Protein backbone atom coordinates (compact mmCIF):
# COMPACT_ATOMS: atom_id res chain seq x y z
CA MET A 1 0.01 0.25 0.27
CA LEU A 2 2.51 2.43 1.01
CA SER A 3 4.68 1.54 -2.07
CA ARG A 4 1.85 1.85 -4.76
CA ALA A 5 1.13 5.36 -2.76
CA ARG A 6 4.56 6.63 -2.79
CA ASP A 7 4.63 5.69 -6.91
CA GLU A 8 1.26 7.32 -7.34
CA LEU A 9 2.39 10.96 -5.52
CA TRP A 10 5.66 11.02 -7.23
CA ARG A 11 3.54 10.93 -10.62
CA ALA A 12 1.09 13.62 -9.14
CA VAL A 13 3.98 15.97 -8.35
CA ASP A 14 6.04 14.91 -11.52
CA GLU A 15 3.53 16.14 -13.61
CA ARG A 16 2.80 19.01 -11.00
CA ASP A 17 -0.76 17.95 -10.57
CA GLU A 18 -1.93 19.56 -7.32
CA LEU A 19 -4.94 18.15 -7.28
CA ALA A 20 -4.03 14.59 -7.83
CA ALA A 21 -1.31 14.74 -5.60
CA ALA A 22 -3.89 16.17 -2.75
CA ARG A 23 -6.28 13.53 -3.78
CA GLY A 24 -4.43 10.56 -3.02
CA VAL A 25 -3.14 11.76 0.13
CA PHE A 26 -6.44 12.42 1.70
CA GLU A 27 -7.64 8.85 0.35
CA LEU A 28 -5.17 7.37 2.67
CA LEU A 29 -6.36 9.39 5.35
CA ASP A 30 -9.52 8.16 4.81
CA SER A 31 -8.80 4.81 4.43
CA GLY A 32 -7.39 4.61 8.22
CA LEU A 33 -3.69 5.08 7.35
CA ASP A 34 -1.97 7.01 10.48
CA ALA A 35 -1.01 10.92 9.27
CA GLU A 36 2.56 10.23 10.82
CA ASP A 37 2.87 7.44 8.68
CA ILE A 38 1.99 9.48 5.53
CA LEU A 39 4.09 12.22 6.29
CA LEU A 40 7.41 10.20 6.91
CA GLU A 41 6.54 6.87 4.86
CA VAL A 42 4.89 8.74 1.61
CA ILE A 43 5.69 12.22 1.44
CA ALA A 44 9.28 12.30 2.93
CA PRO A 45 10.74 9.93 0.84
CA VAL A 46 8.81 11.34 -2.01
CA GLN A 47 10.40 14.39 -1.16
CA HIS A 48 13.69 12.40 -1.29
CA LYS A 49 13.24 11.52 -4.80
CA VAL A 50 12.83 14.78 -5.82
CA GLY A 51 16.11 15.83 -4.67
CA VAL A 52 18.00 12.61 -6.47
CA GLU A 53 16.06 13.44 -9.28
CA TRP A 54 17.40 17.03 -9.77
CA ALA A 55 20.86 15.94 -8.73
CA ALA A 56 20.63 13.35 -11.45
CA GLY A 57 19.74 16.12 -13.92
CA ARG A 58 16.70 14.51 -14.80
CA ILE A 59 14.35 17.22 -13.37
CA THR A 60 15.03 21.12 -13.41
CA VAL A 61 15.07 23.47 -10.28
CA ALA A 62 11.77 24.59 -11.08
CA GLN A 63 10.39 21.32 -11.39
CA GLU A 64 12.02 20.67 -7.97
CA HIS A 65 10.58 23.90 -6.48
CA ALA A 66 7.31 22.81 -8.10
CA ALA A 67 7.16 19.64 -6.19
CA THR A 68 8.25 21.08 -2.85
CA ALA A 69 5.54 23.64 -2.70
CA ILE A 70 2.51 20.92 -3.70
CA HIS A 71 4.32 19.00 -0.73
CA ASP A 72 4.25 21.65 1.78
CA ARG A 73 0.64 22.78 0.66
CA ILE A 74 -0.44 19.11 1.07
CA ILE A 75 1.01 19.03 4.77
CA ALA A 76 -0.74 22.36 5.70
CA ALA A 77 -4.10 20.66 4.50
CA MET A 78 -3.56 17.66 6.50
CA ALA A 79 -3.01 19.75 9.48
CA HIS A 80 -5.69 21.62 9.33
CA ARG A 81 -7.98 18.62 8.54
CA ALA A 82 -5.95 16.71 11.69
CA THR A 83 -6.83 20.02 14.00
CA ALA A 84 -10.82 19.63 12.61
CA LYS A 85 -10.92 15.93 13.23
CA ALA A 86 -8.47 16.16 16.69
CA PRO A 87 -10.62 14.43 19.81
CA ALA A 88 -10.59 17.00 22.86
CA PRO A 89 -7.70 17.46 24.80
CA ASP A 90 -6.35 15.20 27.78
CA HIS A 91 -5.89 17.70 30.56
CA GLY A 92 -3.92 14.47 32.24
CA LYS A 93 -0.93 15.22 29.69
CA ARG A 94 0.95 17.69 28.80
CA GLY A 95 3.23 18.08 25.91
CA MET A 96 6.12 20.40 25.53
CA THR A 97 6.07 23.74 23.74
CA VAL A 98 8.34 23.46 20.91
CA VAL A 99 9.63 26.34 18.38
CA VAL A 100 10.70 24.64 15.13
CA ALA A 101 12.93 27.05 13.19
CA CYS A 102 15.30 26.95 10.28
CA VAL A 103 18.74 28.49 10.99
CA GLU A 104 19.27 31.87 9.22
CA GLY A 105 20.15 31.54 5.70
CA GLU A 106 18.72 27.94 5.58
CA TRP A 107 16.06 28.00 2.83
CA HIS A 108 15.24 24.37 3.05
CA ALA A 109 12.10 24.27 5.01
CA LEU A 110 10.23 21.23 4.26
CA PRO A 111 12.31 18.74 6.39
CA ALA A 112 11.49 21.27 9.30
CA ARG A 113 8.16 21.39 8.24
CA ILE A 114 7.52 17.74 8.44
CA LEU A 115 9.04 17.90 11.65
CA ALA A 116 6.86 20.30 13.35
CA GLU A 117 3.29 18.42 12.14
CA THR A 118 4.82 15.13 13.58
CA LEU A 119 5.19 16.61 16.86
CA ARG A 120 2.11 18.19 16.65
CA LEU A 121 0.93 14.64 16.17
CA ARG A 122 2.59 13.71 19.10
CA GLY A 123 0.82 16.44 21.36
CA HIS A 124 3.28 18.72 21.11
CA THR A 125 2.42 22.56 21.13
CA VAL A 126 4.50 23.74 17.84
CA ASP A 127 5.41 27.14 17.17
CA PHE A 128 6.75 26.77 13.20
CA LEU A 129 8.85 29.87 12.21
CA GLY A 130 9.47 28.18 8.67
CA ALA A 131 12.51 29.33 6.98
CA GLN A 132 15.56 31.41 7.13
CA VAL A 133 15.25 32.76 10.64
CA PRO A 134 17.63 35.55 11.94
CA THR A 135 18.90 34.68 15.20
CA PRO A 136 18.31 38.05 16.63
CA HIS A 137 14.31 37.58 15.84
CA LEU A 138 14.30 33.87 17.07
CA ILE A 139 16.06 35.17 20.57
CA ALA A 140 13.35 37.87 20.47
CA HIS A 141 10.70 35.26 20.01
CA LEU A 142 11.81 33.25 22.63
CA HIS A 143 11.82 35.93 25.00
CA ARG A 144 8.42 36.22 24.39
CA THR A 145 6.75 32.73 24.19
CA ALA A 146 9.31 30.87 26.75
CA PRO A 147 9.05 27.58 25.36
CA ASP A 148 10.53 24.06 26.28
CA VAL A 149 12.86 23.64 23.25
CA VAL A 150 14.13 24.71 20.13
CA ALA A 151 14.17 22.37 17.28
CA LEU A 152 16.61 23.77 15.15
CA SER A 153 16.76 22.82 11.36
CA CYS A 154 20.01 23.07 8.98
CA SER A 155 20.50 21.32 5.64
CA LEU A 156 23.59 23.02 4.14
CA PRO A 157 26.88 22.52 6.14
CA THR A 158 27.89 26.37 5.01
CA ARG A 159 25.32 27.50 7.34
CA LEU A 160 27.01 25.62 10.61
CA PRO A 161 28.92 28.53 11.67
CA THR A 162 25.56 30.32 12.09
CA ALA A 163 23.83 27.48 13.45
CA HIS A 164 26.48 27.33 15.96
CA ALA A 165 26.09 30.83 16.78
CA ALA A 166 22.30 30.62 17.23
CA ILE A 167 22.51 27.31 19.44
CA THR A 168 24.88 29.24 21.59
CA ALA A 169 22.80 32.18 21.50
CA ILE A 170 19.46 29.93 22.21
CA GLN A 171 20.84 28.50 25.22
CA ALA A 172 22.03 31.36 27.01
CA THR A 173 18.18 31.99 27.28
CA GLY A 174 17.90 29.08 29.25
CA VAL A 175 16.08 26.97 26.35
CA PRO A 176 17.73 23.68 25.30
CA VAL A 177 18.50 22.89 21.34
CA LEU A 178 17.27 19.87 19.54
CA ALA A 179 19.60 19.48 16.04
CA GLY A 180 18.38 18.18 12.81
CA GLY A 181 19.45 18.25 9.56
CA ALA A 182 21.54 17.12 6.75
CA ALA A 183 23.90 19.96 7.86
CA PHE A 184 24.98 18.30 10.96
CA ALA A 185 25.98 14.73 9.45
CA PRO A 186 24.12 11.79 9.20
CA ASP A 187 25.57 10.69 12.76
CA GLY A 188 25.30 14.05 14.23
CA ARG A 189 28.69 14.80 14.67
CA TYR A 190 28.27 18.59 14.06
CA ALA A 191 25.49 18.70 16.33
CA ARG A 192 27.30 17.73 18.93
CA LEU A 193 30.82 19.92 17.94
CA LEU A 194 28.47 22.80 18.10
CA GLY A 195 27.30 22.08 21.42
CA ALA A 196 23.29 21.33 20.90
CA ASP A 197 21.74 19.89 23.47
CA ALA A 198 20.21 16.66 21.52
CA TRP A 199 20.34 15.66 18.01
CA ALA A 200 18.07 13.37 15.66
CA ALA A 201 18.37 11.65 12.60
CA GLU A 202 14.95 12.26 11.55
CA ALA A 203 11.36 13.29 12.97
CA ARG A 204 10.71 10.27 14.52
CA GLU A 205 13.74 9.88 16.50
CA ALA A 206 13.20 14.01 17.44
CA ALA A 207 9.60 13.00 18.75
CA ASP A 208 11.29 10.13 20.83
CA VAL A 209 14.07 12.34 22.02
CA LEU A 210 11.38 14.91 23.34
CA GLY A 211 9.61 12.44 25.05
CA ARG A 212 12.40 11.60 26.93
CA GLY A 213 12.94 15.33 27.48
CA LEU A 214 15.38 17.37 27.71
CA PRO A 215 17.06 19.10 30.53
CA ARG A 216 17.58 23.09 30.82
CA PRO A 217 20.95 24.26 29.88
CA HIS A 218 22.86 26.31 32.38
CA LEU A 219 22.51 29.87 32.56
CA ASP A 220 26.58 30.32 31.97
CA SER A 221 27.46 33.69 30.59
CA ALA A 222 27.50 33.66 26.24
CA ARG A 223 29.98 31.45 25.10
CA LEU A 224 32.83 32.41 22.56
CA ALA A 225 32.99 30.27 19.39
CA VAL A 226 36.80 29.60 20.15
CA GLU A 227 35.93 28.36 23.69
CA ASP A 228 33.99 25.60 21.86
CA LEU A 229 36.30 25.07 19.12
CA PRO A 230 39.63 25.57 20.19
CA HIS A 231 41.20 25.17 16.86
CA LEU A 232 39.53 28.64 15.61
CA SER A 233 42.44 30.28 17.26
CA ASP A 234 44.58 29.98 14.40
CA GLN A 235 42.17 32.75 12.51
CA GLU A 236 42.22 30.63 9.13
CA TYR A 237 38.51 30.12 8.79
CA THR A 238 38.40 33.86 9.63
CA MET A 239 40.82 34.73 7.29
CA VAL A 240 39.03 32.69 4.68
CA SER A 241 35.42 33.42 5.50
CA ARG A 242 36.29 37.65 5.63
CA GLY A 243 38.69 37.28 2.55
CA LYS A 244 36.33 35.32 0.46
CA ARG A 245 35.33 37.90 -2.20
CA GLN A 246 38.97 38.84 -3.11
CA LEU A 247 40.01 35.32 -2.60
CA VAL A 248 37.30 34.13 -5.46
CA LYS A 249 38.50 37.29 -7.28
CA ASN A 250 42.35 35.98 -7.07
CA THR A 251 41.39 32.95 -7.99
CA LEU A 252 39.61 33.55 -11.34
CA ALA A 253 42.47 35.73 -12.46
CA GLY A 254 44.73 32.83 -12.02
CA LEU A 255 42.49 30.48 -13.78
CA GLU A 256 42.13 33.01 -16.69
CA GLN A 257 45.81 32.60 -17.30
CA ARG A 258 46.04 28.88 -16.70
CA LEU A 259 43.21 28.45 -19.02
CA PRO A 260 43.18 30.98 -21.90
CA ALA A 261 39.86 29.94 -23.09
CA MET A 262 38.20 31.31 -20.33
CA ARG A 263 38.87 34.83 -21.88
CA SER A 264 36.47 34.24 -24.27
CA TYR A 265 33.66 33.42 -21.97
CA SER A 266 30.74 35.49 -21.78
CA GLU A 267 29.42 37.67 -19.02
CA ALA A 268 27.11 35.00 -17.77
CA GLU A 269 29.42 32.35 -18.13
CA ARG A 270 32.00 34.24 -16.17
CA GLU A 271 29.21 35.12 -13.19
CA ARG A 272 28.53 31.12 -13.32
CA THR A 273 32.50 30.49 -12.98
CA ALA A 274 32.52 33.17 -10.19
CA GLU A 275 29.52 31.33 -8.35
CA ASP A 276 31.08 28.20 -8.45
CA VAL A 277 34.40 29.30 -7.23
CA ALA A 278 32.34 31.07 -4.31
CA HIS A 279 30.13 28.05 -3.33
CA ILE A 280 33.72 25.94 -3.08
CA VAL A 281 35.24 28.70 -0.79
CA ASP A 282 32.23 28.61 1.40
CA PHE A 283 32.42 24.80 1.84
CA LEU A 284 36.24 24.96 2.27
CA ALA A 285 35.20 27.57 5.43
CA ALA A 286 32.57 25.61 6.56
CA ALA A 287 35.26 22.87 7.04
CA LEU A 288 37.80 24.90 8.26
CA TYR A 289 35.34 26.06 11.04
CA THR A 290 34.71 22.19 11.58
CA ASP A 291 38.43 21.38 11.26
CA ASP A 292 36.88 18.36 9.34
CA ALA A 293 38.13 17.67 5.54
CA ARG A 294 35.08 15.34 5.23
CA LEU A 295 33.09 18.11 5.02
CA PHE A 296 35.00 19.48 1.90
CA THR A 297 35.58 16.21 0.46
CA GLY A 298 31.92 15.16 0.72
CA PHE A 299 30.91 18.26 -0.95
CA LEU A 300 33.27 17.64 -3.69
CA GLU A 301 32.17 14.20 -4.00
CA TRP A 302 28.34 15.10 -4.15
CA THR A 303 29.35 17.94 -6.82
CA GLY A 304 31.36 15.40 -8.62
CA ASP A 305 28.10 13.31 -8.86
CA ILE A 306 25.89 16.46 -10.06
CA LEU A 307 28.75 17.21 -12.52
CA GLU A 308 29.05 13.49 -14.05
CA ALA A 309 24.94 13.22 -14.47
CA ARG A 310 25.16 16.19 -16.72
CA ARG A 311 27.82 14.71 -18.38
CA VAL A 312 30.80 17.05 -17.53
CA PRO A 313 33.77 15.18 -15.80
CA ALA A 314 34.57 15.98 -12.25
CA LEU A 315 38.16 16.56 -12.55
CA VAL A 316 36.79 20.28 -14.03
CA LEU A 317 37.07 21.08 -10.35
CA LEU A 318 40.58 20.60 -10.19
CA PRO A 319 42.12 24.18 -11.69
CA GLY A 320 40.24 25.93 -9.18
CA LEU A 321 41.21 23.72 -6.24
CA GLU A 322 44.93 24.50 -7.33
CA ARG A 323 44.84 27.74 -7.33
CA LEU A 324 43.06 28.11 -4.05
CA GLN A 325 46.24 26.05 -2.98
CA GLU A 326 48.64 28.98 -4.28
CA GLU A 327 46.29 31.54 -3.09
CA LEU A 328 46.34 29.84 0.57
CA LYS A 329 49.75 28.59 0.62
CA ASP A 330 50.25 29.89 4.34
CA PHE A 331 47.20 28.28 5.62
CA PRO A 332 48.11 24.84 6.69
CA ARG A 333 44.39 23.05 7.64
CA ALA A 334 43.06 25.02 4.24
CA LEU A 335 45.87 23.18 2.33
CA ASN A 336 45.06 20.07 4.06
CA CYS A 337 41.50 20.30 3.10
CA LEU A 338 42.08 21.02 -0.34
CA ALA A 339 45.06 18.31 -0.83
CA GLN A 340 42.19 15.60 0.32
CA GLY A 341 39.80 17.47 -2.10
CA VAL A 342 42.14 17.07 -4.98
CA ALA A 343 42.95 13.53 -3.83
CA ALA A 344 39.06 12.75 -3.96
CA LEU A 345 39.06 14.22 -7.11
CA HIS A 346 41.48 11.98 -8.66
CA GLY A 347 40.54 9.05 -7.06
CA ARG A 348 36.91 9.18 -8.70
CA ASN A 349 39.09 9.12 -11.76
CA ARG A 350 40.29 5.73 -11.26
CA ARG A 351 36.79 4.19 -10.30
CA PRO A 352 35.62 2.04 -13.28
CA ALA A 353 33.21 3.36 -15.22
CA ILE A 354 29.48 2.86 -14.47
CA PRO A 355 26.98 2.47 -16.96
CA GLY A 356 24.31 4.70 -16.89
CA PRO A 357 20.70 4.07 -17.62
CA GLY A 358 19.87 2.81 -21.28
CA THR A 359 23.64 2.40 -22.32
CA ALA A 360 24.93 -0.86 -22.59
CA ALA A 361 27.19 -2.44 -20.31
């Protein structure tokens, strides 16, 4: 039943048929299937497939956005229906009051939305703030509402420094932080590194964590990032992140000298190349912040997969990395990350070819 439901929902969102998608979901509800199962066993896997299809180059960014918007509206409709049909509250039981918010700069809100609705279904009172919540505004909201916990969502590793600042600021109000999202790594290592009170890989696990309860953090004086992450004292992260604009400019100039074909690039092509270099610098900075080269090499592997799905060899990234090595020759941790990135790309080139869909083995 669930497998067929996922297939039908995928076909509907792929065709941008919101009415068919909603009809299928509500038929599942009418059949007696639990709303939590629909959220986590139907909608969430289909949304994951949307991301996979985009990465493989089989759907466009616009199609991905359309599918995500359909899912978001269906989840909202499910929530309104659940509220209308919910039984009278059992005043002998008290769930937690939870603020669910995405880190400042994080626009991928659907995972947080799914978490928020799952927690509501479990009996918690949820204040869903959505995407891209600036930390000062989040803290002001906590002072007004005094929740039991904040569930902080972050999907992009480049937002981890911002997530760290948010975690510290939230805890300074006496509210514990439950971290979640792909940015914190599949094993939650970055959530622990940045001092979150708890971490959960997915919505059910988050609900279970809250069910066990979270102690309130001690109201210590505000911590500095370097107290949690002593490696930041070498200033490499600060120098790379603050010098990003000049670093990108110098890297582009060096690439133009090394690759004469770049001199004939159109303005649009130059802008896209600058954006690509800036993206590499952002992930390098995040790796320096966490002192974990795996963050950087993982980004390169993911980018390599996307490039190759579009029939572009991953080795096109090498000149940019080599140019950054020249620019950052006095930064040992950055050089280590870049060297591991170069090795990862060369390693991809030594892999045996895997036939793609529709090709002969």
